[in-house]
């Protein structure tokens, strides 16, 4: 399986793009949020991939409380 990573492209005019690569669930947003805050610029566009709509595996588990 390919390794998860974040691709950041900074253009000559200072505009940046951040892309989560090989993530299979919504953990991609956690990974990119910190980078976006560190860049401290204005977000002009935000596109979520289909993978970003999937909950992480542990969040899909249903738990019942003991009575």
C-alpha atoms as a PDB file:
ATOM      1  CA  UNK A   1       0.000   0.000   0.000  1.00  0.00           C
ATOM      2  CA  UNK A   2       1.391   3.431  -0.901  1.00  0.00           C
ATOM      3  CA  UNK A   3       2.515   5.632   1.971  1.00  0.00           C
ATOM      4  CA  UNK A   4       0.315   8.499   3.177  1.00  0.00           C
ATOM      5  CA  UNK A   5       1.832  11.933   2.673  1.00  0.00           C
ATOM      6  CA  UNK A   6       0.975  15.602   2.276  1.00  0.00           C
ATOM      7  CA  UNK A   7       1.929  17.401  -0.940  1.00  0.00           C
ATOM      8  CA  UNK A   8       2.401  21.167  -0.629  1.00  0.00           C
ATOM      9  CA  UNK A   9       2.924  23.314  -3.701  1.00  0.00           C
ATOM     10  CA  UNK A  10       4.028  26.920  -3.206  1.00  0.00           C
ATOM     11  CA  UNK A  11       3.893  28.976  -6.382  1.00  0.00           C
ATOM     12  CA  UNK A  12       6.100  31.962  -7.209  1.00  0.00           C
ATOM     13  CA  UNK A  13       3.254  34.363  -6.366  1.00  0.00           C
ATOM     14  CA  UNK A  14       3.017  32.879  -2.828  1.00  0.00           C
ATOM     15  CA  UNK A  15      -0.201  30.942  -3.437  1.00  0.00           C
ATOM     16  CA  UNK A  16      -0.139  27.439  -1.939  1.00  0.00           C
ATOM     17  CA  UNK A  17      -2.005  24.210  -2.416  1.00  0.00           C
ATOM     18  CA  UNK A  18      -2.095  21.377   0.110  1.00  0.00           C
ATOM     19  CA  UNK A  19      -3.072  17.858  -0.923  1.00  0.00           C
ATOM     20  CA  UNK A  20      -3.428  14.748   1.246  1.00  0.00           C
ATOM     21  CA  UNK A  21      -2.252  11.774  -0.812  1.00  0.00           C
ATOM     22  CA  UNK A  22      -3.099   8.083  -0.215  1.00  0.00           C
ATOM     23  CA  UNK A  23      -5.399   8.713   2.748  1.00  0.00           C
ATOM     24  CA  UNK A  24      -8.445   6.437   2.791  1.00  0.00           C
ATOM     25  CA  UNK A  25     -10.659   8.314   5.244  1.00  0.00           C
ATOM     26  CA  UNK A  26     -11.315  11.628   6.986  1.00  0.00           C
ATOM     27  CA  UNK A  27      -7.975  11.576   8.818  1.00  0.00           C
ATOM     28  CA  UNK A  28      -6.689  13.505   5.812  1.00  0.00           C
ATOM     29  CA  UNK A  29      -8.410  16.597   7.183  1.00  0.00           C
ATOM     30  CA  UNK A  30      -6.593  16.333  10.511  1.00  0.00           C
ATOM     31  CA  UNK A  31      -3.295  16.029   8.685  1.00  0.00           C
ATOM     32  CA  UNK A  32      -3.882  19.066   6.482  1.00  0.00           C
ATOM     33  CA  UNK A  33      -5.579  21.305   9.081  1.00  0.00           C
ATOM     34  CA  UNK A  34      -2.374  21.825  11.049  1.00  0.00           C
ATOM     35  CA  UNK A  35      -0.464  22.752   7.912  1.00  0.00           C
ATOM     36  CA  UNK A  36      -3.172  25.155   6.804  1.00  0.00           C
ATOM     37  CA  UNK A  37      -3.118  26.902  10.198  1.00  0.00           C
ATOM     38  CA  UNK A  38       0.677  27.156  10.083  1.00  0.00           C
ATOM     39  CA  UNK A  39       0.536  28.777   6.639  1.00  0.00           C
ATOM     40  CA  UNK A  40      -1.875  31.344   8.148  1.00  0.00           C
ATOM     41  CA  UNK A  41      -3.157  32.506   4.801  1.00  0.00           C
ATOM     42  CA  UNK A  42      -6.665  32.971   3.509  1.00  0.00           C
ATOM     43  CA  UNK A  43      -8.308  29.830   2.130  1.00  0.00           C
ATOM     44  CA  UNK A  44      -9.659  30.674  -1.322  1.00  0.00           C
ATOM     45  CA  UNK A  45     -10.913  27.197  -2.254  1.00  0.00           C
ATOM     46  CA  UNK A  46     -11.482  23.959  -0.398  1.00  0.00           C
ATOM     47  CA  UNK A  47     -12.276  20.725  -2.227  1.00  0.00           C
ATOM     48  CA  UNK A  48     -12.865  17.535  -0.310  1.00  0.00           C
ATOM     49  CA  UNK A  49     -12.014  14.250  -1.928  1.00  0.00           C
ATOM     50  CA  UNK A  50     -14.466  11.349  -1.642  1.00  0.00           C
ATOM     51  CA  UNK A  51     -12.153   9.737   0.910  1.00  0.00           C
ATOM     52  CA  UNK A  52     -12.621  12.720   3.244  1.00  0.00           C
ATOM     53  CA  UNK A  53     -16.261  11.773   3.702  1.00  0.00           C
ATOM     54  CA  UNK A  54     -15.404   8.351   5.163  1.00  0.00           C
ATOM     55  CA  UNK A  55     -15.089   8.093   8.923  1.00  0.00           C
ATOM     56  CA  UNK A  56     -11.890   6.564  10.304  1.00  0.00           C
ATOM     57  CA  UNK A  57     -12.294   2.837  11.102  1.00  0.00           C
ATOM     58  CA  UNK A  58     -12.495   3.277  14.897  1.00  0.00           C
ATOM     59  CA  UNK A  59     -15.277   5.867  14.466  1.00  0.00           C
ATOM     60  CA  UNK A  60     -17.372   3.331  12.558  1.00  0.00           C
ATOM     61  CA  UNK A  61     -17.475   0.899  15.481  1.00  0.00           C
ATOM     62  CA  UNK A  62     -20.714   1.023  17.422  1.00  0.00           C
ATOM     63  CA  UNK A  63     -20.330   0.677  21.161  1.00  0.00           C
ATOM     64  CA  UNK A  64     -23.013  -0.007  23.710  1.00  0.00           C
ATOM     65  CA  UNK A  65     -22.714   0.972  27.351  1.00  0.00           C
ATOM     66  CA  UNK A  66     -23.018  -1.704  30.010  1.00  0.00           C
ATOM     67  CA  UNK A  67     -26.080  -1.357  32.221  1.00  0.00           C
END
